[in-house]
Amino acid sequence: MLRNVHDRRTLLWVVGYFACLVWCWRAGGGVYIGALRVLLLCYCSFACACITHNAMHARVFVVHSHEQVLRMVLSMAYGHPVSTFIPGHNLSHHRHTQSRKDPMRTTKMRYQWHLLNALLFQLTVAPSVFRADLRFLNMQRRGSAHDKECFTKTCMEWGVVILSSLGLGLFDWRRFLLYVYIPHITAQWGIVTMNMLQHDGCDVPSETDTSPTVVNFNTSRNFTGGLLNFLTFNNGFHTVHHIHPSMHWSLLPAAHTRIAHRIHPALNEASMPRYIFAAFVYPGVRVDYLGQRIATSSHKSDANEDQTADHGHNPPPHTMDYKDYVALVCRYIFSSNI
């Protein structure tokens, strides 16, 4: 039933999120205990966001109907339809990392105080990502019968998120805000802000030289701490993930070890908290991985609109219409061969 036996832990964590939600919803206690419960659910929801990221690259189940059920469940745990990862992340960020076709590029952030670049990154890129989601839905809606099936499944995810949120909000809006809304917003902020940690100040991959024999190993920052990667399902091993996006998360540590010597030492961070403190608090200076200061004025051109990613191979970008695009997207939804 499972494509990889390690996804037993994936399912355990997903069940754990809902178990924690039920316990926190029903439990009593004072303000401090309530705050601890909120923090617990924030982690659980963020863990489900990490699981969502992994599942949108490599399916969990062999049977597609089982996978669709998981995606609806993850949509409730993450607080957002998981299929929307595809246009903004899989087909844009992974194919056009840090370019004008990447709506999540970190060069959009130009605050002198670097901490603001991290705190406001998700809010800054959200409009571009949301527009990509809407284009994605519209292309699905106008496509073939198979495309419309994908559109229906995405709408089902939206429906599950909206109806479950409305139901819980009407039942008890205070508990909904504390135990559902705040953890979901935190998870969405956290999974997007990871992009700032893992790509800011790194090399930009070449979009002209696409030869498989030419690989730039310095386009991502890795966080190799054992506890962090246990809690985030190996989301810290980012370089190898970009080289092999469909590789199962359980294989990433060994794959990272094989290429670690080819990555600049400054891009292999043992401790994420230590990096966050140094990069955003003290000294808090925005530098690239070579230690050279990044001038925020050099990013002013990124204030312009994003370029639309073509997402395809055949036909060429200038001749690709929405049907070609949706056919590609739907193939990726069902194969996860991204």
Protein backbone atom coordinates (compact mmCIF):
# COMPACT_ATOMS: atom_id res chain seq x y z
CA MET A 1 0.00 0.00 0.00
CA LEU A 2 2.83 2.40 0.88
CA ARG A 3 5.49 3.13 -1.73
CA ASN A 4 8.14 3.40 0.98
CA VAL A 5 8.04 1.75 4.39
CA HIS A 6 9.41 4.89 6.07
CA ASP A 7 6.13 6.61 5.36
CA ARG A 8 4.66 4.74 8.30
CA ARG A 9 6.14 7.58 10.32
CA THR A 10 4.56 10.05 7.90
CA LEU A 11 1.12 8.60 8.62
CA LEU A 12 1.85 8.41 12.35
CA TRP A 13 2.66 12.14 12.42
CA VAL A 14 -0.51 12.99 10.48
CA VAL A 15 -2.64 10.96 12.89
CA GLY A 16 -0.72 12.59 15.73
CA TYR A 17 -1.73 16.05 14.53
CA PHE A 18 -5.44 15.24 14.73
CA ALA A 19 -4.99 13.43 18.06
CA CYS A 20 -3.25 16.50 19.50
CA LEU A 21 -5.96 18.76 18.09
CA VAL A 22 -8.73 16.75 19.75
CA TRP A 23 -6.82 16.63 23.05
CA CYS A 24 -6.06 20.36 23.04
CA TRP A 25 -9.64 21.22 22.07
CA ARG A 26 -11.10 19.20 24.95
CA ALA A 27 -8.48 19.83 27.64
CA GLY A 28 -8.79 22.49 30.31
CA GLY A 29 -6.07 24.42 32.09
CA GLY A 30 -4.78 27.94 32.54
CA VAL A 31 -3.25 30.46 30.17
CA TYR A 32 0.26 29.04 30.29
CA ILE A 33 -0.87 25.48 29.66
CA GLY A 34 -3.04 26.75 26.83
CA ALA A 35 -0.05 28.55 25.29
CA LEU A 36 1.99 25.34 25.42
CA ARG A 37 -0.82 23.49 23.66
CA VAL A 38 -0.85 26.13 20.92
CA LEU A 39 2.92 25.74 20.47
CA LEU A 40 2.52 21.96 20.24
CA LEU A 41 -0.11 22.31 17.53
CA CYS A 42 2.02 24.87 15.69
CA TYR A 43 4.77 22.26 15.43
CA CYS A 44 2.33 19.50 14.47
CA SER A 45 0.83 21.61 11.69
CA PHE A 46 4.28 22.67 10.47
CA ALA A 47 5.36 19.01 10.43
CA CYS A 48 2.32 18.30 8.24
CA ALA A 49 3.44 21.15 5.97
CA CYS A 50 6.82 19.40 5.63
CA ILE A 51 5.01 16.13 4.93
CA THR A 52 2.89 17.92 2.32
CA HIS A 53 6.03 19.21 0.61
CA ASN A 54 7.49 15.71 0.52
CA ALA A 55 4.25 14.08 -0.65
CA MET A 56 3.90 16.54 -3.54
CA HIS A 57 7.30 15.40 -4.79
CA ALA A 58 7.01 11.66 -4.12
CA ARG A 59 3.66 9.98 -3.56
CA VAL A 60 3.05 8.14 -0.30
CA PHE A 61 0.58 5.52 -1.56
CA VAL A 62 0.64 3.20 -4.54
CA VAL A 63 -3.10 3.58 -5.16
CA HIS A 64 -4.10 7.02 -6.45
CA SER A 65 -7.42 7.08 -4.60
CA HIS A 66 -5.59 6.54 -1.31
CA GLU A 67 -3.22 9.36 -2.20
CA GLN A 68 -6.13 11.70 -2.87
CA VAL A 69 -7.62 10.94 0.54
CA LEU A 70 -4.24 11.70 2.12
CA ARG A 71 -4.08 15.01 0.26
CA MET A 72 -7.47 16.04 1.60
CA VAL A 73 -6.42 15.04 5.12
CA LEU A 74 -3.15 16.97 4.75
CA SER A 75 -5.10 19.98 3.48
CA MET A 76 -6.97 20.04 6.79
CA ALA A 77 -3.79 19.54 8.82
CA TYR A 78 -1.81 22.16 6.88
CA GLY A 79 -4.72 24.56 6.45
CA HIS A 80 -4.37 25.00 2.69
CA PRO A 81 -5.13 22.86 -0.40
CA VAL A 82 -1.99 20.85 -0.95
CA SER A 83 -2.28 20.60 -4.74
CA THR A 84 -1.51 24.31 -4.93
CA PHE A 85 2.09 23.37 -4.11
CA ILE A 86 2.47 22.34 -7.75
CA PRO A 87 2.28 25.66 -9.65
CA GLY A 88 4.10 27.82 -7.09
CA HIS A 89 6.66 25.31 -5.86
CA ASN A 90 7.20 22.27 -8.06
CA LEU A 91 6.81 23.89 -11.47
CA SER A 92 8.11 27.37 -10.67
CA HIS A 93 10.51 27.35 -7.73
CA HIS A 94 12.21 24.08 -8.62
CA ARG A 95 12.52 24.79 -12.34
CA HIS A 96 13.41 28.46 -12.09
CA THR A 97 15.06 28.79 -8.67
CA GLN A 98 15.69 32.43 -7.71
CA SER A 99 14.93 33.70 -11.24
CA ARG A 100 12.17 36.13 -12.24
CA LYS A 101 10.01 33.06 -12.98
CA ASP A 102 10.27 31.97 -9.34
CA PRO A 103 7.49 33.72 -7.38
CA MET A 104 9.23 32.71 -4.14
CA ARG A 105 12.65 34.19 -4.92
CA THR A 106 14.33 35.79 -1.93
CA THR A 107 15.63 38.78 -3.91
CA LYS A 108 12.18 40.34 -3.54
CA MET A 109 13.17 41.27 0.01
CA ARG A 110 15.04 44.58 0.24
CA TYR A 111 14.74 45.75 3.86
CA GLN A 112 17.94 47.10 5.37
CA TRP A 113 17.10 45.34 8.63
CA HIS A 114 17.59 41.71 7.60
CA LEU A 115 15.28 40.36 10.29
CA LEU A 116 12.36 42.01 8.47
CA ASN A 117 13.30 40.17 5.30
CA ALA A 118 12.73 36.89 7.11
CA LEU A 119 9.64 37.90 9.06
CA LEU A 120 7.84 39.45 6.08
CA PHE A 121 8.98 37.07 3.35
CA GLN A 122 5.81 34.96 3.35
CA LEU A 123 3.55 38.01 3.26
CA THR A 124 5.58 39.49 0.40
CA VAL A 125 5.52 36.47 -1.90
CA ALA A 126 1.97 35.35 -1.02
CA PRO A 127 0.19 37.52 -3.68
CA SER A 128 2.39 36.13 -6.48
CA VAL A 129 1.90 32.57 -5.28
CA PHE A 130 -1.86 33.09 -4.98
CA ARG A 131 -2.04 34.43 -8.56
CA ALA A 132 -0.20 31.31 -9.72
CA ASP A 133 -2.75 29.19 -7.85
CA LEU A 134 -5.63 30.96 -9.59
CA ARG A 135 -4.05 30.54 -13.02
CA PHE A 136 -3.52 26.89 -12.21
CA LEU A 137 -7.18 26.38 -11.27
CA ASN A 138 -8.43 28.28 -14.30
CA MET A 139 -6.26 26.24 -16.66
CA GLN A 140 -7.53 23.03 -15.12
CA ARG A 141 -11.14 24.16 -15.38
CA ARG A 142 -10.84 24.91 -19.10
CA GLY A 143 -8.98 21.77 -20.09
CA SER A 144 -9.87 18.24 -21.13
CA ALA A 145 -11.89 15.73 -19.14
CA HIS A 146 -8.72 14.58 -17.40
CA ASP A 147 -7.75 18.17 -16.65
CA LYS A 148 -11.19 18.83 -15.18
CA GLU A 149 -10.80 15.76 -12.97
CA CYS A 150 -7.66 17.37 -11.54
CA PHE A 151 -9.61 20.62 -11.13
CA THR A 152 -12.35 18.77 -9.25
CA LYS A 153 -9.84 17.18 -6.87
CA THR A 154 -8.22 20.53 -6.17
CA CYS A 155 -11.65 22.04 -5.50
CA MET A 156 -12.41 19.16 -3.15
CA GLU A 157 -9.31 20.08 -1.17
CA TRP A 158 -10.48 23.70 -1.05
CA GLY A 159 -13.91 22.53 0.04
CA VAL A 160 -12.54 20.36 2.83
CA VAL A 161 -10.41 23.22 4.17
CA ILE A 162 -13.21 25.79 4.02
CA LEU A 163 -15.99 23.59 5.39
CA SER A 164 -13.89 22.16 8.23
CA SER A 165 -12.75 25.67 9.19
CA LEU A 166 -16.29 27.05 9.08
CA GLY A 167 -17.63 24.14 11.10
CA LEU A 168 -15.03 24.40 13.83
CA GLY A 169 -15.27 28.19 13.86
CA LEU A 170 -19.03 28.12 14.32
CA PHE A 171 -18.78 25.43 16.99
CA ASP A 172 -16.28 27.42 19.11
CA TRP A 173 -14.56 30.37 17.48
CA ARG A 174 -12.14 30.94 20.37
CA ARG A 175 -10.80 27.40 20.31
CA PHE A 176 -10.74 27.52 16.51
CA LEU A 177 -8.53 30.61 16.54
CA LEU A 178 -6.16 29.17 19.15
CA TYR A 179 -5.92 25.54 18.10
CA VAL A 180 -6.59 25.62 14.35
CA TYR A 181 -6.12 29.03 12.76
CA ILE A 182 -2.95 30.13 14.57
CA PRO A 183 -1.16 26.77 14.01
CA HIS A 184 -2.17 26.76 10.33
CA ILE A 185 -0.96 30.31 9.75
CA THR A 186 2.27 29.48 11.58
CA ALA A 187 2.80 26.37 9.46
CA GLN A 188 2.20 28.25 6.22
CA TRP A 189 4.50 31.06 7.29
CA GLY A 190 7.18 28.60 8.40
CA ILE A 191 7.26 26.40 5.30
CA VAL A 192 7.48 29.44 2.99
CA THR A 193 10.05 31.24 5.14
CA MET A 194 12.29 28.17 4.91
CA ASN A 195 12.93 29.39 1.38
CA MET A 196 14.60 32.50 2.80
CA LEU A 197 16.87 30.36 4.96
CA GLN A 198 17.76 27.86 2.26
CA HIS A 199 18.32 30.09 -0.77
CA ASP A 200 19.14 33.66 0.23
CA GLY A 201 22.76 34.46 -0.55
CA CYS A 202 23.31 31.30 -2.58
CA ASP A 203 24.25 30.96 -6.25
CA VAL A 204 21.48 31.31 -8.82
CA PRO A 205 21.23 28.24 -11.09
CA SER A 206 21.87 28.88 -14.77
CA GLU A 207 18.77 28.62 -16.95
CA THR A 208 20.83 28.50 -20.13
CA ASP A 209 23.12 25.61 -19.30
CA THR A 210 20.76 22.72 -18.52
CA SER A 211 23.25 19.93 -19.17
CA PRO A 212 22.78 17.13 -16.59
CA THR A 213 26.56 16.90 -16.29
CA VAL A 214 26.85 20.51 -15.11
CA VAL A 215 25.58 20.88 -11.55
CA ASN A 216 26.07 23.88 -9.29
CA PHE A 217 26.15 22.52 -5.75
CA ASN A 218 26.02 25.98 -4.14
CA THR A 219 22.45 26.99 -4.96
CA SER A 220 20.96 25.89 -1.63
CA ARG A 221 21.81 26.05 2.07
CA ASN A 222 21.59 22.83 4.09
CA PHE A 223 20.82 22.34 7.77
CA THR A 224 22.24 19.01 8.80
CA GLY A 225 21.27 18.77 12.47
CA GLY A 226 19.83 15.39 13.39
CA LEU A 227 16.98 16.58 15.61
CA LEU A 228 15.86 19.21 13.11
CA ASN A 229 15.74 16.72 10.26
CA PHE A 230 13.94 14.16 12.38
CA LEU A 231 11.25 16.71 13.23
CA THR A 232 10.95 18.03 9.65
CA PHE A 233 11.30 14.77 7.70
CA ASN A 234 14.75 15.66 6.34
CA ASN A 235 13.72 19.02 4.90
CA GLY A 236 17.13 20.37 5.90
CA PHE A 237 18.95 18.52 3.11
CA HIS A 238 18.05 20.99 0.40
CA THR A 239 20.85 20.80 -2.17
CA VAL A 240 20.31 17.14 -2.94
CA HIS A 241 16.55 17.71 -2.91
CA HIS A 242 16.91 20.26 -5.72
CA ILE A 243 19.18 17.93 -7.67
CA HIS A 244 16.82 14.97 -7.22
CA PRO A 245 13.37 16.44 -6.42
CA SER A 246 11.50 13.13 -6.60
CA MET A 247 13.90 11.32 -4.25
CA HIS A 248 12.11 9.99 -1.17
CA TRP A 249 12.78 12.02 1.96
CA SER A 250 14.23 9.01 3.82
CA LEU A 251 17.07 8.76 1.25
CA LEU A 252 18.16 12.39 1.48
CA PRO A 253 20.73 12.12 4.35
CA ALA A 254 22.76 9.41 2.60
CA ALA A 255 22.51 11.24 -0.73
CA HIS A 256 23.66 14.47 0.94
CA THR A 257 26.68 12.69 2.43
CA ARG A 258 27.76 11.61 -1.06
CA ILE A 259 27.84 15.19 -2.36
CA ALA A 260 28.69 17.14 0.82
CA HIS A 261 32.35 17.54 -0.19
CA ARG A 262 31.25 19.37 -3.35
CA ILE A 263 29.16 21.94 -1.44
CA HIS A 264 30.84 25.05 -0.04
CA PRO A 265 31.36 24.52 3.72
CA ALA A 266 29.40 27.69 4.52
CA LEU A 267 26.30 26.09 2.97
CA ASN A 268 26.35 23.10 5.30
CA GLU A 269 25.03 24.46 8.57
CA ALA A 270 24.91 22.11 11.54
CA SER A 271 22.50 24.29 13.55
CA MET A 272 19.53 26.19 12.16
CA PRO A 273 18.97 28.24 15.38
CA ARG A 274 22.61 29.34 15.34
CA TYR A 275 22.35 30.36 11.67
CA ILE A 276 19.10 32.27 12.27
CA PHE A 277 20.63 34.19 15.18
CA ALA A 278 23.78 35.10 13.22
CA ALA A 279 21.98 35.95 9.99
CA PHE A 280 19.01 37.88 11.33
CA VAL A 281 19.82 39.02 14.89
CA TYR A 282 23.55 39.47 15.53
CA PRO A 283 25.44 40.55 13.58
CA GLY A 284 22.35 40.37 11.35
CA VAL A 285 24.15 41.49 8.20
CA ARG A 286 22.85 40.15 4.90
CA VAL A 287 25.76 38.38 3.23
CA ASP A 288 26.13 35.65 0.64
CA TYR A 289 27.74 32.30 1.41
CA LEU A 290 31.17 33.74 0.56
CA GLY A 291 30.75 36.40 3.25
CA GLN A 292 30.24 39.27 0.80
CA ARG A 293 27.61 41.81 1.80
CA ILE A 294 24.44 41.80 -0.32
CA ALA A 295 23.39 45.31 -1.36
CA THR A 296 19.61 45.59 -1.13
CA SER A 297 19.66 48.23 -3.87
CA SER A 298 20.73 45.51 -6.31
CA HIS A 299 17.34 43.85 -5.84
CA LYS A 300 15.23 46.85 -6.84
CA SER A 301 14.49 45.42 -10.26
CA ASP A 302 12.61 42.61 -8.53
CA ALA A 303 9.86 45.04 -7.58
CA ASN A 304 8.46 44.46 -11.06
CA GLU A 305 5.94 41.76 -11.91
CA ASP A 306 7.03 38.14 -11.97
CA GLN A 307 7.61 36.49 -15.28
CA THR A 308 5.22 33.63 -15.91
CA ALA A 309 6.98 30.28 -15.80
CA ASP A 310 6.45 28.16 -18.88
CA HIS A 311 6.69 24.85 -16.94
CA GLY A 312 7.12 22.80 -20.06
CA HIS A 313 9.44 21.11 -22.51
CA ASN A 314 7.33 20.62 -25.63
CA PRO A 315 6.13 22.74 -27.29
CA PRO A 316 8.52 25.66 -26.64
CA PRO A 317 7.36 28.27 -24.11
CA HIS A 318 6.23 30.80 -26.72
CA THR A 319 3.87 28.26 -28.36
CA MET A 320 2.57 26.54 -25.22
CA ASP A 321 -1.11 27.14 -24.51
CA TYR A 322 -3.10 26.38 -21.38
CA LYS A 323 -4.00 22.84 -22.50
CA ASP A 324 -0.33 21.91 -22.82
CA TYR A 325 0.36 23.45 -19.43
CA VAL A 326 -2.51 21.68 -17.68
CA ALA A 327 -1.65 18.36 -19.29
CA LEU A 328 1.86 18.70 -17.85
CA VAL A 329 0.58 19.71 -14.43
CA CYS A 330 -1.91 16.84 -14.28
CA ARG A 331 0.78 14.37 -15.31
CA TYR A 332 2.84 15.64 -12.38
CA ILE A 333 -0.08 15.39 -9.97
CA PHE A 334 -0.62 11.73 -10.73
CA SER A 335 2.99 10.65 -11.19
CA SER A 336 4.74 12.98 -8.72
CA ASN A 337 7.73 12.60 -11.03
CA ILE A 338 8.89 16.15 -10.47
